[in-house]
Amino acid sequence: MHQKEASWRQGSLITQESSRKLGLFEKDSLDKYIIIISHDCDLLNDNEDNVEVIISNIVTKADPAYAKARHVRRSHLSYKVVLLIKSYQLNCTIRHVVSSL
């Protein structure tokens, strides 16, 4: 049985270039990123032809009211890159399905 090799994992950020190629953005959008939300097992499954993604907006600072799954439809995630903290807002209503092929 052949199994897919996945360069994407759940939580991966898709590059601006890939986002344009997938038809999610018409041009570079410096305040938005695409995040993979499909489970890793689905990304590797030969029977799964699609990947679920969510469009995230950059926010200046994560709001604790939206952190740690406190809100049903919105989530703020932050991560630290060297000394810089980046925060993203995820809205569950802005989801897309793209082909994994």
Protein backbone atom coordinates (compact mmCIF):
# COMPACT_ATOMS: atom_id res chain seq x y z
CA MET A 1 0.00 0.00 0.00
CA HIS A 2 1.40 3.39 -1.03
CA GLN A 3 1.03 6.19 1.46
CA LYS A 4 1.21 9.92 0.75
CA GLU A 5 4.10 11.99 1.95
CA ALA A 6 2.80 15.18 3.51
CA SER A 7 4.81 18.36 3.45
CA TRP A 8 1.92 20.02 5.28
CA ARG A 9 0.85 19.20 8.82
CA GLN A 10 -2.05 20.40 10.90
CA GLY A 11 -1.21 23.96 11.93
CA SER A 12 1.14 24.60 8.99
CA LEU A 13 1.07 28.07 7.45
CA ILE A 14 0.71 28.02 3.67
CA THR A 15 2.94 30.47 1.82
CA GLN A 16 1.44 33.47 0.03
CA GLU A 17 2.56 31.97 -3.29
CA SER A 18 0.81 28.64 -2.60
CA SER A 19 -2.30 30.49 -1.40
CA ARG A 20 -2.49 32.30 -4.74
CA LYS A 21 -1.92 29.08 -6.70
CA LEU A 22 -4.77 27.43 -4.76
CA GLY A 23 -7.04 30.36 -5.63
CA LEU A 24 -7.45 31.51 -2.03
CA PHE A 25 -5.86 34.94 -2.60
CA GLU A 26 -5.71 36.95 -5.82
CA LYS A 27 -2.55 38.79 -4.71
CA ASP A 28 -0.22 38.86 -1.70
CA SER A 29 -2.10 39.70 1.45
CA LEU A 30 0.31 40.73 4.17
CA ASP A 31 -2.31 40.66 6.94
CA LYS A 32 -3.77 37.22 6.16
CA TYR A 33 -2.39 33.68 6.16
CA ILE A 34 -3.82 30.26 5.45
CA ILE A 35 -3.50 27.59 8.14
CA ILE A 36 -4.02 23.84 7.59
CA ILE A 37 -6.73 22.53 9.93
CA SER A 38 -7.11 18.98 8.55
CA HIS A 39 -5.79 16.30 10.88
CA ASP A 40 -2.37 14.85 10.08
CA CYS A 41 -3.88 11.38 9.56
CA ASP A 42 -6.23 12.82 6.90
CA LEU A 43 -3.34 14.56 5.15
CA LEU A 44 -1.57 11.20 4.82
CA ASN A 45 -4.65 9.15 3.91
CA ASP A 46 -4.71 8.01 0.24
CA ASN A 47 -8.53 8.11 0.27
CA GLU A 48 -8.63 11.76 1.34
CA ASP A 49 -8.38 14.09 -1.67
CA ASN A 50 -9.02 17.40 0.11
CA VAL A 51 -7.37 19.54 2.74
CA GLU A 52 -9.35 21.82 5.03
CA VAL A 53 -7.84 25.26 5.63
CA ILE A 54 -8.81 28.37 7.51
CA ILE A 55 -8.00 31.98 6.68
CA SER A 56 -6.36 33.78 9.59
CA ASN A 57 -5.94 37.50 10.12
CA ILE A 58 -2.95 38.95 11.92
CA VAL A 59 -3.94 40.83 15.06
CA THR A 60 -1.72 43.20 17.01
CA LYS A 61 -2.20 41.28 20.26
CA ALA A 62 -4.08 38.13 21.21
CA ASP A 63 -7.23 38.82 23.20
CA PRO A 64 -7.51 36.47 26.23
CA ALA A 65 -11.29 36.29 25.64
CA TYR A 66 -10.55 34.38 22.40
CA ALA A 67 -7.59 32.31 23.62
CA LYS A 68 -7.61 28.68 24.80
CA ALA A 69 -10.91 27.81 23.03
CA ARG A 70 -12.97 30.23 25.11
CA HIS A 71 -15.04 31.29 22.09
CA VAL A 72 -16.99 28.93 19.85
CA ARG A 73 -16.32 30.66 16.50
CA ARG A 74 -13.15 32.68 17.01
CA SER A 75 -9.73 31.82 18.36
CA HIS A 76 -6.57 33.86 18.92
CA LEU A 77 -3.28 32.00 18.64
CA SER A 78 0.17 33.41 19.37
CA TYR A 79 3.63 32.09 18.79
CA LYS A 80 7.07 33.43 19.46
CA VAL A 81 9.72 33.81 16.77
CA VAL A 82 13.01 34.77 18.41
CA LEU A 83 11.87 37.86 20.37
CA LEU A 84 8.82 38.69 18.25
CA ILE A 85 5.36 37.43 19.20
CA LYS A 86 2.91 37.02 16.31
CA SER A 87 -0.79 36.61 16.93
CA TYR A 88 -3.44 35.30 14.54
CA GLN A 89 -7.22 35.37 14.67
CA LEU A 90 -8.99 32.29 13.33
CA ASN A 91 -12.67 32.46 12.38
CA CYS A 92 -14.37 29.10 11.92
CA THR A 93 -16.79 30.68 9.44
CA ILE A 94 -13.93 31.42 7.00
CA ARG A 95 -12.95 27.85 6.11
CA HIS A 96 -12.15 26.39 2.71
CA VAL A 97 -11.49 22.97 1.25
CA VAL A 98 -8.74 22.64 -1.35
CA SER A 99 -7.50 19.65 -3.34
CA SER A 100 -4.51 17.86 -1.84
CA LEU A 101 -3.54 16.43 -5.23
